[in-house]
C-alpha atoms as a PDB file:
ATOM      1  CA  UNK A   1     -34.553  70.477  34.635  1.00  0.00           C
ATOM      2  CA  UNK A   2     -35.897  70.120  38.181  1.00  0.00           C
ATOM      3  CA  UNK A   3     -39.016  72.138  38.868  1.00  0.00           C
ATOM      4  CA  UNK A   4     -37.214  74.220  41.459  1.00  0.00           C
ATOM      5  CA  UNK A   5     -34.554  75.428  38.955  1.00  0.00           C
ATOM      6  CA  UNK A   6     -34.497  77.684  35.989  1.00  0.00           C
ATOM      7  CA  UNK A   7     -36.550  80.792  35.173  1.00  0.00           C
ATOM      8  CA  UNK A   8     -39.887  80.854  37.054  1.00  0.00           C
ATOM      9  CA  UNK A   9     -42.356  81.249  34.272  1.00  0.00           C
ATOM     10  CA  UNK A  10     -45.897  80.425  35.232  1.00  0.00           C
ATOM     11  CA  UNK A  11     -46.065  76.642  35.699  1.00  0.00           C
ATOM     12  CA  UNK A  12     -42.784  76.508  33.838  1.00  0.00           C
ATOM     13  CA  UNK A  13     -44.613  77.250  30.551  1.00  0.00           C
ATOM     14  CA  UNK A  14     -42.714  78.494  27.501  1.00  0.00           C
ATOM     15  CA  UNK A  15     -42.261  82.223  27.156  1.00  0.00           C
ATOM     16  CA  UNK A  16     -44.375  83.872  24.420  1.00  0.00           C
ATOM     17  CA  UNK A  17     -41.396  84.637  22.249  1.00  0.00           C
ATOM     18  CA  UNK A  18     -40.502  80.947  22.151  1.00  0.00           C
ATOM     19  CA  UNK A  19     -43.643  79.995  20.244  1.00  0.00           C
ATOM     20  CA  UNK A  20     -45.257  80.983  16.900  1.00  0.00           C
ATOM     21  CA  UNK A  21     -48.652  81.735  18.440  1.00  0.00           C
ATOM     22  CA  UNK A  22     -50.527  81.461  21.680  1.00  0.00           C
ATOM     23  CA  UNK A  23     -54.080  80.426  22.547  1.00  0.00           C
ATOM     24  CA  UNK A  24     -53.890  81.474  26.199  1.00  0.00           C
ATOM     25  CA  UNK A  25     -51.309  83.869  27.669  1.00  0.00           C
ATOM     26  CA  UNK A  26     -50.571  84.256  31.366  1.00  0.00           C
ATOM     27  CA  UNK A  27     -49.520  87.878  31.911  1.00  0.00           C
ATOM     28  CA  UNK A  28     -48.305  89.756  34.943  1.00  0.00           C
ATOM     29  CA  UNK A  29     -49.544  93.249  35.758  1.00  0.00           C
ATOM     30  CA  UNK A  30     -47.272  94.733  38.493  1.00  0.00           C
ATOM     31  CA  UNK A  31     -49.479  97.673  39.391  1.00  0.00           C
ATOM     32  CA  UNK A  32     -50.967  98.610  42.766  1.00  0.00           C
ATOM     33  CA  UNK A  33     -51.428 102.419  42.669  1.00  0.00           C
ATOM     34  CA  UNK A  34     -55.172 102.016  42.925  1.00  0.00           C
ATOM     35  CA  UNK A  35     -55.140 100.346  46.259  1.00  0.00           C
ATOM     36  CA  UNK A  36     -56.930 101.942  49.218  1.00  0.00           C
ATOM     37  CA  UNK A  37     -55.303 100.057  52.152  1.00  0.00           C
ATOM     38  CA  UNK A  38     -52.129  97.869  52.160  1.00  0.00           C
ATOM     39  CA  UNK A  39     -49.893  98.371  49.104  1.00  0.00           C
ATOM     40  CA  UNK A  40     -47.520  95.715  47.646  1.00  0.00           C
ATOM     41  CA  UNK A  41     -49.564  93.869  45.031  1.00  0.00           C
ATOM     42  CA  UNK A  42     -47.196  95.161  42.337  1.00  0.00           C
ATOM     43  CA  UNK A  43     -44.897  92.328  43.567  1.00  0.00           C
ATOM     44  CA  UNK A  44     -47.691  89.765  43.161  1.00  0.00           C
ATOM     45  CA  UNK A  45     -46.991  88.475  39.687  1.00  0.00           C
ATOM     46  CA  UNK A  46     -43.362  87.381  40.531  1.00  0.00           C
ATOM     47  CA  UNK A  47     -44.592  85.803  43.829  1.00  0.00           C
ATOM     48  CA  UNK A  48     -47.322  83.880  42.013  1.00  0.00           C
ATOM     49  CA  UNK A  49     -44.973  82.635  39.357  1.00  0.00           C
ATOM     50  CA  UNK A  50     -42.505  81.388  41.966  1.00  0.00           C
ATOM     51  CA  UNK A  51     -45.283  79.501  43.708  1.00  0.00           C
ATOM     52  CA  UNK A  52     -46.539  78.047  40.456  1.00  0.00           C
ATOM     53  CA  UNK A  53     -43.434  75.762  39.972  1.00  0.00           C
ATOM     54  CA  UNK A  54     -45.343  72.714  41.378  1.00  0.00           C
ATOM     55  CA  UNK A  55     -48.244  73.062  39.006  1.00  0.00           C
ATOM     56  CA  UNK A  56     -48.572  70.014  36.696  1.00  0.00           C
ATOM     57  CA  UNK A  57     -50.131  69.536  33.244  1.00  0.00           C
ATOM     58  CA  UNK A  58     -52.831  66.941  34.172  1.00  0.00           C
ATOM     59  CA  UNK A  59     -56.010  67.942  35.940  1.00  0.00           C
ATOM     60  CA  UNK A  60     -57.402  64.946  37.911  1.00  0.00           C
ATOM     61  CA  UNK A  61     -60.835  66.354  38.426  1.00  0.00           C
ATOM     62  CA  UNK A  62     -61.464  67.345  34.860  1.00  0.00           C
ATOM     63  CA  UNK A  63     -59.433  64.377  33.575  1.00  0.00           C
ATOM     64  CA  UNK A  64     -57.572  66.451  30.944  1.00  0.00           C
ATOM     65  CA  UNK A  65     -54.170  67.770  30.115  1.00  0.00           C
ATOM     66  CA  UNK A  66     -54.416  71.523  30.488  1.00  0.00           C
ATOM     67  CA  UNK A  67     -51.740  72.271  27.891  1.00  0.00           C
ATOM     68  CA  UNK A  68     -52.610  69.635  25.273  1.00  0.00           C
ATOM     69  CA  UNK A  69     -54.239  70.772  22.042  1.00  0.00           C
ATOM     70  CA  UNK A  70     -53.700  74.441  22.764  1.00  0.00           C
ATOM     71  CA  UNK A  71     -50.616  76.673  23.209  1.00  0.00           C
ATOM     72  CA  UNK A  72     -50.459  78.175  26.666  1.00  0.00           C
ATOM     73  CA  UNK A  73     -47.610  80.596  27.440  1.00  0.00           C
ATOM     74  CA  UNK A  74     -46.231  83.055  29.920  1.00  0.00           C
ATOM     75  CA  UNK A  75     -46.247  86.441  28.189  1.00  0.00           C
ATOM     76  CA  UNK A  76     -44.162  88.183  30.900  1.00  0.00           C
ATOM     77  CA  UNK A  77     -45.282  91.412  32.578  1.00  0.00           C
ATOM     78  CA  UNK A  78     -47.127  94.293  30.944  1.00  0.00           C
ATOM     79  CA  UNK A  79     -45.164  97.533  30.934  1.00  0.00           C
ATOM     80  CA  UNK A  80     -46.927  99.831  33.377  1.00  0.00           C
ATOM     81  CA  UNK A  81     -45.840 102.798  35.481  1.00  0.00           C
ATOM     82  CA  UNK A  82     -46.930 103.517  39.116  1.00  0.00           C
ATOM     83  CA  UNK A  83     -47.568 107.289  39.138  1.00  0.00           C
ATOM     84  CA  UNK A  84     -50.546 107.940  36.829  1.00  0.00           C
ATOM     85  CA  UNK A  85     -53.543 105.634  37.205  1.00  0.00           C
ATOM     86  CA  UNK A  86     -55.288 106.709  34.039  1.00  0.00           C
ATOM     87  CA  UNK A  87     -52.135 106.401  31.958  1.00  0.00           C
ATOM     88  CA  UNK A  88     -51.447 102.995  33.472  1.00  0.00           C
ATOM     89  CA  UNK A  89     -54.954 101.783  32.690  1.00  0.00           C
ATOM     90  CA  UNK A  90     -54.653 102.963  29.124  1.00  0.00           C
ATOM     91  CA  UNK A  91     -51.331 101.122  28.745  1.00  0.00           C
ATOM     92  CA  UNK A  92     -52.715  97.933  30.171  1.00  0.00           C
ATOM     93  CA  UNK A  93     -55.686  98.132  27.882  1.00  0.00           C
ATOM     94  CA  UNK A  94     -53.475  98.659  24.753  1.00  0.00           C
ATOM     95  CA  UNK A  95     -51.234  95.707  25.618  1.00  0.00           C
ATOM     96  CA  UNK A  96     -54.253  93.458  26.433  1.00  0.00           C
ATOM     97  CA  UNK A  97     -55.991  94.419  23.155  1.00  0.00           C
ATOM     98  CA  UNK A  98     -52.825  93.528  21.211  1.00  0.00           C
ATOM     99  CA  UNK A  99     -53.037  89.962  22.534  1.00  0.00           C
ATOM    100  CA  UNK A 100     -56.807  89.571  22.328  1.00  0.00           C
ATOM    101  CA  UNK A 101     -56.770  90.788  18.682  1.00  0.00           C
ATOM    102  CA  UNK A 102     -54.480  87.841  17.917  1.00  0.00           C
ATOM    103  CA  UNK A 103     -57.106  85.496  19.377  1.00  0.00           C
ATOM    104  CA  UNK A 104     -55.067  84.975  22.540  1.00  0.00           C
ATOM    105  CA  UNK A 105     -57.072  84.787  25.722  1.00  0.00           C
ATOM    106  CA  UNK A 106     -55.627  86.366  28.831  1.00  0.00           C
ATOM    107  CA  UNK A 107     -55.243  85.095  32.433  1.00  0.00           C
ATOM    108  CA  UNK A 108     -53.706  88.071  34.309  1.00  0.00           C
ATOM    109  CA  UNK A 109     -51.784  88.026  37.502  1.00  0.00           C
ATOM    110  CA  UNK A 110     -52.214  91.230  39.530  1.00  0.00           C
ATOM    111  CA  UNK A 111     -51.590  93.757  40.773  1.00  0.00           C
ATOM    112  CA  UNK A 112     -54.549  95.339  42.467  1.00  0.00           C
ATOM    113  CA  UNK A 113     -58.081  95.032  41.220  1.00  0.00           C
ATOM    114  CA  UNK A 114     -57.847  98.274  39.170  1.00  0.00           C
ATOM    115  CA  UNK A 115     -56.388  96.135  36.436  1.00  0.00           C
ATOM    116  CA  UNK A 116     -59.728  94.404  35.821  1.00  0.00           C
ATOM    117  CA  UNK A 117     -61.164  97.548  34.096  1.00  0.00           C
ATOM    118  CA  UNK A 118     -58.710  97.648  31.154  1.00  0.00           C
ATOM    119  CA  UNK A 119     -58.794  93.902  30.790  1.00  0.00           C
ATOM    120  CA  UNK A 120     -62.561  94.037  30.515  1.00  0.00           C
ATOM    121  CA  UNK A 121     -62.266  96.780  27.960  1.00  0.00           C
ATOM    122  CA  UNK A 122     -60.093  94.423  25.891  1.00  0.00           C
ATOM    123  CA  UNK A 123     -62.331  91.381  26.360  1.00  0.00           C
ATOM    124  CA  UNK A 124     -65.534  93.366  25.519  1.00  0.00           C
ATOM    125  CA  UNK A 125     -63.917  94.778  22.443  1.00  0.00           C
ATOM    126  CA  UNK A 126     -63.520  91.194  21.169  1.00  0.00           C
ATOM    127  CA  UNK A 127     -66.594  89.442  22.531  1.00  0.00           C
ATOM    128  CA  UNK A 128     -69.141  92.238  23.249  1.00  0.00           C
ATOM    129  CA  UNK A 129     -70.530  92.793  26.722  1.00  0.00           C
ATOM    130  CA  UNK A 130     -69.426  89.976  29.054  1.00  0.00           C
ATOM    131  CA  UNK A 131     -70.874  88.226  32.070  1.00  0.00           C
ATOM    132  CA  UNK A 132     -68.554  88.732  35.035  1.00  0.00           C
ATOM    133  CA  UNK A 133     -68.042  86.075  37.713  1.00  0.00           C
ATOM    134  CA  UNK A 134     -66.444  87.935  40.511  1.00  0.00           C
ATOM    135  CA  UNK A 135     -64.960  86.137  43.520  1.00  0.00           C
ATOM    136  CA  UNK A 136     -64.159  88.729  46.245  1.00  0.00           C
ATOM    137  CA  UNK A 137     -64.840  89.851  49.793  1.00  0.00           C
ATOM    138  CA  UNK A 138     -65.806  93.286  48.505  1.00  0.00           C
ATOM    139  CA  UNK A 139     -68.261  94.602  45.925  1.00  0.00           C
ATOM    140  CA  UNK A 140     -65.783  96.666  43.806  1.00  0.00           C
ATOM    141  CA  UNK A 141     -68.750  98.614  42.381  1.00  0.00           C
ATOM    142  CA  UNK A 142     -68.097 101.780  44.347  1.00  0.00           C
ATOM    143  CA  UNK A 143     -67.747 105.266  42.791  1.00  0.00           C
ATOM    144  CA  UNK A 144     -64.982 107.763  43.649  1.00  0.00           C
ATOM    145  CA  UNK A 145     -62.524 107.715  46.574  1.00  0.00           C
ATOM    146  CA  UNK A 146     -60.296 110.623  47.494  1.00  0.00           C
ATOM    147  CA  UNK A 147     -61.057 112.149  44.100  1.00  0.00           C
ATOM    148  CA  UNK A 148     -60.154 109.067  42.079  1.00  0.00           C
ATOM    149  CA  UNK A 149     -62.828 107.521  39.831  1.00  0.00           C
ATOM    150  CA  UNK A 150     -60.546 104.591  38.793  1.00  0.00           C
ATOM    151  CA  UNK A 151     -59.197 102.651  41.815  1.00  0.00           C
ATOM    152  CA  UNK A 152     -59.387  99.021  42.979  1.00  0.00           C
ATOM    153  CA  UNK A 153     -62.817  99.498  44.498  1.00  0.00           C
ATOM    154  CA  UNK A 154     -64.495 100.862  41.277  1.00  0.00           C
ATOM    155  CA  UNK A 155     -63.535  98.617  38.285  1.00  0.00           C
ATOM    156  CA  UNK A 156     -66.941  96.991  37.858  1.00  0.00           C
ATOM    157  CA  UNK A 157     -68.932 100.170  38.293  1.00  0.00           C
ATOM    158  CA  UNK A 158     -66.850 101.839  35.633  1.00  0.00           C
ATOM    159  CA  UNK A 159     -67.221  98.729  33.446  1.00  0.00           C
ATOM    160  CA  UNK A 160     -70.922  98.743  33.814  1.00  0.00           C
ATOM    161  CA  UNK A 161     -71.117 102.463  32.954  1.00  0.00           C
ATOM    162  CA  UNK A 162     -69.032 101.832  29.849  1.00  0.00           C
ATOM    163  CA  UNK A 163     -71.269  99.078  28.574  1.00  0.00           C
ATOM    164  CA  UNK A 164     -68.677  96.300  29.056  1.00  0.00           C
ATOM    165  CA  UNK A 165     -70.899  94.066  31.157  1.00  0.00           C
ATOM    166  CA  UNK A 166     -73.945  92.014  30.433  1.00  0.00           C
ATOM    167  CA  UNK A 167     -76.055  93.462  33.259  1.00  0.00           C
ATOM    168  CA  UNK A 168     -78.360  90.446  33.373  1.00  0.00           C
ATOM    169  CA  UNK A 169     -75.669  87.875  33.938  1.00  0.00           C
ATOM    170  CA  UNK A 170     -73.083  89.066  36.545  1.00  0.00           C
ATOM    171  CA  UNK A 171     -72.447  87.284  39.824  1.00  0.00           C
ATOM    172  CA  UNK A 172     -70.507  88.066  42.966  1.00  0.00           C
ATOM    173  CA  UNK A 173     -69.336  85.223  45.185  1.00  0.00           C
ATOM    174  CA  UNK A 174     -67.820  85.427  48.718  1.00  0.00           C
ATOM    175  CA  UNK A 175     -68.959  88.916  49.607  1.00  0.00           C
ATOM    176  CA  UNK A 176     -68.677  89.902  53.282  1.00  0.00           C
ATOM    177  CA  UNK A 177     -66.706  93.146  53.511  1.00  0.00           C
ATOM    178  CA  UNK A 178     -68.161  96.224  55.238  1.00  0.00           C
ATOM    179  CA  UNK A 179     -69.932  99.017  53.452  1.00  0.00           C
ATOM    180  CA  UNK A 180     -70.564 102.621  54.356  1.00  0.00           C
ATOM    181  CA  UNK A 181     -74.298 102.750  53.396  1.00  0.00           C
ATOM    182  CA  UNK A 182     -77.006 100.363  52.260  1.00  0.00           C
ATOM    183  CA  UNK A 183     -77.389 102.480  49.153  1.00  0.00           C
ATOM    184  CA  UNK A 184     -74.138 100.800  47.909  1.00  0.00           C
ATOM    185  CA  UNK A 185     -76.079  97.530  47.534  1.00  0.00           C
ATOM    186  CA  UNK A 186     -78.662  99.262  45.356  1.00  0.00           C
ATOM    187  CA  UNK A 187     -75.769 100.669  43.183  1.00  0.00           C
ATOM    188  CA  UNK A 188     -74.312  97.177  42.978  1.00  0.00           C
ATOM    189  CA  UNK A 189     -77.615  95.747  41.661  1.00  0.00           C
ATOM    190  CA  UNK A 190     -77.745  98.544  39.068  1.00  0.00           C
ATOM    191  CA  UNK A 191     -74.268  97.476  37.906  1.00  0.00           C
ATOM    192  CA  UNK A 192     -75.748  94.018  37.036  1.00  0.00           C
ATOM    193  CA  UNK A 193     -74.706  91.848  39.993  1.00  0.00           C
ATOM    194  CA  UNK A 194     -76.304  89.355  42.253  1.00  0.00           C
ATOM    195  CA  UNK A 195     -74.580  88.338  45.457  1.00  0.00           C
ATOM    196  CA  UNK A 196     -73.651  84.971  47.043  1.00  0.00           C
ATOM    197  CA  UNK A 197     -72.336  85.807  50.442  1.00  0.00           C
ATOM    198  CA  UNK A 198     -69.565  83.914  52.219  1.00  0.00           C
ATOM    199  CA  UNK A 199     -71.814  82.615  54.930  1.00  0.00           C
ATOM    200  CA  UNK A 200     -73.952  80.838  52.351  1.00  0.00           C
ATOM    201  CA  UNK A 201     -71.173  78.264  52.056  1.00  0.00           C
ATOM    202  CA  UNK A 202     -72.061  77.190  55.626  1.00  0.00           C
ATOM    203  CA  UNK A 203     -75.722  76.322  54.859  1.00  0.00           C
ATOM    204  CA  UNK A 204     -75.693  75.484  51.118  1.00  0.00           C
ATOM    205  CA  UNK A 205     -73.936  72.743  49.260  1.00  0.00           C
ATOM    206  CA  UNK A 206     -71.163  73.448  46.697  1.00  0.00           C
ATOM    207  CA  UNK A 207     -73.367  71.884  44.031  1.00  0.00           C
ATOM    208  CA  UNK A 208     -76.215  74.268  44.880  1.00  0.00           C
ATOM    209  CA  UNK A 209     -74.017  77.321  44.744  1.00  0.00           C
ATOM    210  CA  UNK A 210     -72.384  76.177  41.525  1.00  0.00           C
ATOM    211  CA  UNK A 211     -75.831  75.622  39.981  1.00  0.00           C
ATOM    212  CA  UNK A 212     -76.921  79.128  40.823  1.00  0.00           C
ATOM    213  CA  UNK A 213     -73.774  80.532  39.278  1.00  0.00           C
ATOM    214  CA  UNK A 214     -74.222  78.498  36.091  1.00  0.00           C
ATOM    215  CA  UNK A 215     -77.827  79.573  35.773  1.00  0.00           C
ATOM    216  CA  UNK A 216     -76.866  83.228  36.235  1.00  0.00           C
ATOM    217  CA  UNK A 217     -74.052  83.129  33.657  1.00  0.00           C
ATOM    218  CA  UNK A 218     -76.092  81.119  31.146  1.00  0.00           C
ATOM    219  CA  UNK A 219     -74.302  80.753  27.813  1.00  0.00           C
ATOM    220  CA  UNK A 220     -72.784  84.171  27.771  1.00  0.00           C
ATOM    221  CA  UNK A 221     -69.010  84.888  27.284  1.00  0.00           C
ATOM    222  CA  UNK A 222     -67.699  84.915  30.821  1.00  0.00           C
ATOM    223  CA  UNK A 223     -64.873  86.819  32.396  1.00  0.00           C
ATOM    224  CA  UNK A 224     -63.732  85.448  35.771  1.00  0.00           C
ATOM    225  CA  UNK A 225     -62.150  87.983  38.199  1.00  0.00           C
ATOM    226  CA  UNK A 226     -60.720  86.716  41.475  1.00  0.00           C
ATOM    227  CA  UNK A 227     -59.570  88.814  44.259  1.00  0.00           C
ATOM    228  CA  UNK A 228     -57.625  86.459  46.511  1.00  0.00           C
ATOM    229  CA  UNK A 229     -59.185  88.072  49.552  1.00  0.00           C
ATOM    230  CA  UNK A 230     -62.290  86.011  48.770  1.00  0.00           C
ATOM    231  CA  UNK A 231     -60.483  83.438  50.790  1.00  0.00           C
ATOM    232  CA  UNK A 232     -60.404  83.682  54.610  1.00  0.00           C
ATOM    233  CA  UNK A 233     -57.169  85.335  55.931  1.00  0.00           C
ATOM    234  CA  UNK A 234     -56.179  81.987  57.372  1.00  0.00           C
ATOM    235  CA  UNK A 235     -56.056  80.674  53.749  1.00  0.00           C
ATOM    236  CA  UNK A 236     -54.725  83.906  52.147  1.00  0.00           C
ATOM    237  CA  UNK A 237     -53.007  86.251  54.575  1.00  0.00           C
ATOM    238  CA  UNK A 238     -51.008  88.026  51.942  1.00  0.00           C
ATOM    239  CA  UNK A 239     -53.585  90.460  50.564  1.00  0.00           C
ATOM    240  CA  UNK A 240     -54.382  94.191  50.694  1.00  0.00           C
ATOM    241  CA  UNK A 241     -57.816  94.329  52.422  1.00  0.00           C
ATOM    242  CA  UNK A 242     -58.264  91.110  54.419  1.00  0.00           C
ATOM    243  CA  UNK A 243     -61.778  90.310  55.763  1.00  0.00           C
ATOM    244  CA  UNK A 244     -62.589  87.712  58.334  1.00  0.00           C
ATOM    245  CA  UNK A 245     -65.058  84.820  57.900  1.00  0.00           C
ATOM    246  CA  UNK A 246     -64.126  84.052  54.333  1.00  0.00           C
ATOM    247  CA  UNK A 247     -64.371  80.796  52.415  1.00  0.00           C
ATOM    248  CA  UNK A 248     -61.686  78.108  52.395  1.00  0.00           C
ATOM    249  CA  UNK A 249     -59.509  77.089  49.473  1.00  0.00           C
ATOM    250  CA  UNK A 250     -61.369  73.786  49.427  1.00  0.00           C
ATOM    251  CA  UNK A 251     -64.748  75.500  49.167  1.00  0.00           C
ATOM    252  CA  UNK A 252     -63.409  77.870  46.505  1.00  0.00           C
ATOM    253  CA  UNK A 253     -61.887  75.239  44.236  1.00  0.00           C
ATOM    254  CA  UNK A 254     -64.830  72.903  44.644  1.00  0.00           C
ATOM    255  CA  UNK A 255     -66.996  75.609  43.176  1.00  0.00           C
ATOM    256  CA  UNK A 256     -64.602  76.472  40.380  1.00  0.00           C
ATOM    257  CA  UNK A 257     -64.324  72.862  39.350  1.00  0.00           C
ATOM    258  CA  UNK A 258     -68.077  72.582  38.948  1.00  0.00           C
ATOM    259  CA  UNK A 259     -67.995  75.372  36.269  1.00  0.00           C
ATOM    260  CA  UNK A 260     -66.512  73.385  33.371  1.00  0.00           C
ATOM    261  CA  UNK A 261     -68.262  74.084  30.052  1.00  0.00           C
ATOM    262  CA  UNK A 262     -68.790  77.884  30.569  1.00  0.00           C
ATOM    263  CA  UNK A 263     -67.606  80.098  27.724  1.00  0.00           C
ATOM    264  CA  UNK A 264     -64.715  81.639  29.724  1.00  0.00           C
ATOM    265  CA  UNK A 265     -62.933  84.173  27.607  1.00  0.00           C
ATOM    266  CA  UNK A 266     -60.530  85.635  30.129  1.00  0.00           C
ATOM    267  CA  UNK A 267     -59.801  86.263  33.711  1.00  0.00           C
ATOM    268  CA  UNK A 268     -57.592  87.665  36.453  1.00  0.00           C
ATOM    269  CA  UNK A 269     -56.171  86.763  39.891  1.00  0.00           C
ATOM    270  CA  UNK A 270     -55.378  89.916  41.866  1.00  0.00           C
ATOM    271  CA  UNK A 271     -54.435  91.402  45.201  1.00  0.00           C
ATOM    272  CA  UNK A 272     -51.629  89.096  46.293  1.00  0.00           C
ATOM    273  CA  UNK A 273     -49.196  90.834  48.555  1.00  0.00           C
ATOM    274  CA  UNK A 274     -45.961  88.779  49.123  1.00  0.00           C
ATOM    275  CA  UNK A 275     -44.858  91.012  52.060  1.00  0.00           C
ATOM    276  CA  UNK A 276     -47.822  89.901  54.111  1.00  0.00           C
ATOM    277  CA  UNK A 277     -47.697  86.257  52.982  1.00  0.00           C
ATOM    278  CA  UNK A 278     -46.529  83.354  55.177  1.00  0.00           C
ATOM    279  CA  UNK A 279     -44.845  80.290  53.763  1.00  0.00           C
ATOM    280  CA  UNK A 280     -46.216  81.084  50.336  1.00  0.00           C
ATOM    281  CA  UNK A 281     -49.819  80.317  51.463  1.00  0.00           C
ATOM    282  CA  UNK A 282     -51.374  83.084  49.426  1.00  0.00           C
ATOM    283  CA  UNK A 283     -48.955  82.722  46.483  1.00  0.00           C
ATOM    284  CA  UNK A 284     -49.834  79.018  46.334  1.00  0.00           C
ATOM    285  CA  UNK A 285     -53.630  79.773  46.328  1.00  0.00           C
ATOM    286  CA  UNK A 286     -53.267  82.430  43.656  1.00  0.00           C
ATOM    287  CA  UNK A 287     -51.063  80.201  41.432  1.00  0.00           C
ATOM    288  CA  UNK A 288     -53.534  77.329  41.634  1.00  0.00           C
ATOM    289  CA  UNK A 289     -56.427  79.717  41.008  1.00  0.00           C
ATOM    290  CA  UNK A 290     -54.837  80.822  37.707  1.00  0.00           C
ATOM    291  CA  UNK A 291     -54.253  77.139  36.835  1.00  0.00           C
ATOM    292  CA  UNK A 292     -57.961  76.431  37.517  1.00  0.00           C
ATOM    293  CA  UNK A 293     -59.028  79.358  35.262  1.00  0.00           C
ATOM    294  CA  UNK A 294     -56.887  77.911  32.421  1.00  0.00           C
ATOM    295  CA  UNK A 295     -58.616  74.523  32.932  1.00  0.00           C
ATOM    296  CA  UNK A 296     -62.041  76.279  32.465  1.00  0.00           C
ATOM    297  CA  UNK A 297     -61.019  77.999  29.265  1.00  0.00           C
ATOM    298  CA  UNK A 298     -61.680  76.404  25.896  1.00  0.00           C
ATOM    299  CA  UNK A 299     -59.004  75.476  23.388  1.00  0.00           C
ATOM    300  CA  UNK A 300     -58.954  76.508  19.749  1.00  0.00           C
ATOM    301  CA  UNK A 301     -61.517  73.728  18.899  1.00  0.00           C
ATOM    302  CA  UNK A 302     -63.673  74.352  21.978  1.00  0.00           C
END
């Protein structure tokens, strides 16, 4: 079958019902009711899958076959409604726990960043408090907005309050978005995060940045959360809250590829909006990001 034909599962992987068990499951979460600016990330999973057709099984940098020795599948989309955020979050958590309890690690395709909270609940239920490596233009440790305590700007604040995070080992990368008050930076530190800003990529080497990340995460179980707006809008125009002066795809993937050996137990790639994408630029970046996260995750034998 040519790669441009057939059902667009992620990277043309088998569907979960076609195998006896799964070590890693790629899942779509078509939910964007928590967004504060441009909606449309509910259509992200399908767009990412379509742009994942060109992904291949061998990783040249890591010199490994990503799907050899472990079963990686596409588990389809989680069932989630658009009208009630708390009900949606509970549904996502229940479906994520069902996979994690079967020793299946999750790489989720969003959807807006709200989905990180229920995914972290499921990961922490299995592994205990996790270190979060968060690539984003924004902090996402804000409190309430328009009366909502759970929205795409608050997942890591809520996660910290719920004891889901290892507060000594969380790291932001690519931060540059505006804030309303400097106190938000204090709140972010209380949520357990250190910050590597986007402009640091202009004066520091990739090796230096990766070394700081590795030192911060140590040997903890790591959850990697990627908001595609960590990339500059020239590299990812199809996103909900674009911010200028971001990092490039080359800088981003260069850092990711220096993180092999971390205990990555799950992750997500969120905030892809097909309606604002051009020529699949953002979809391609998001698909390759998920592929890189799979590359960082360990198989059943480690």
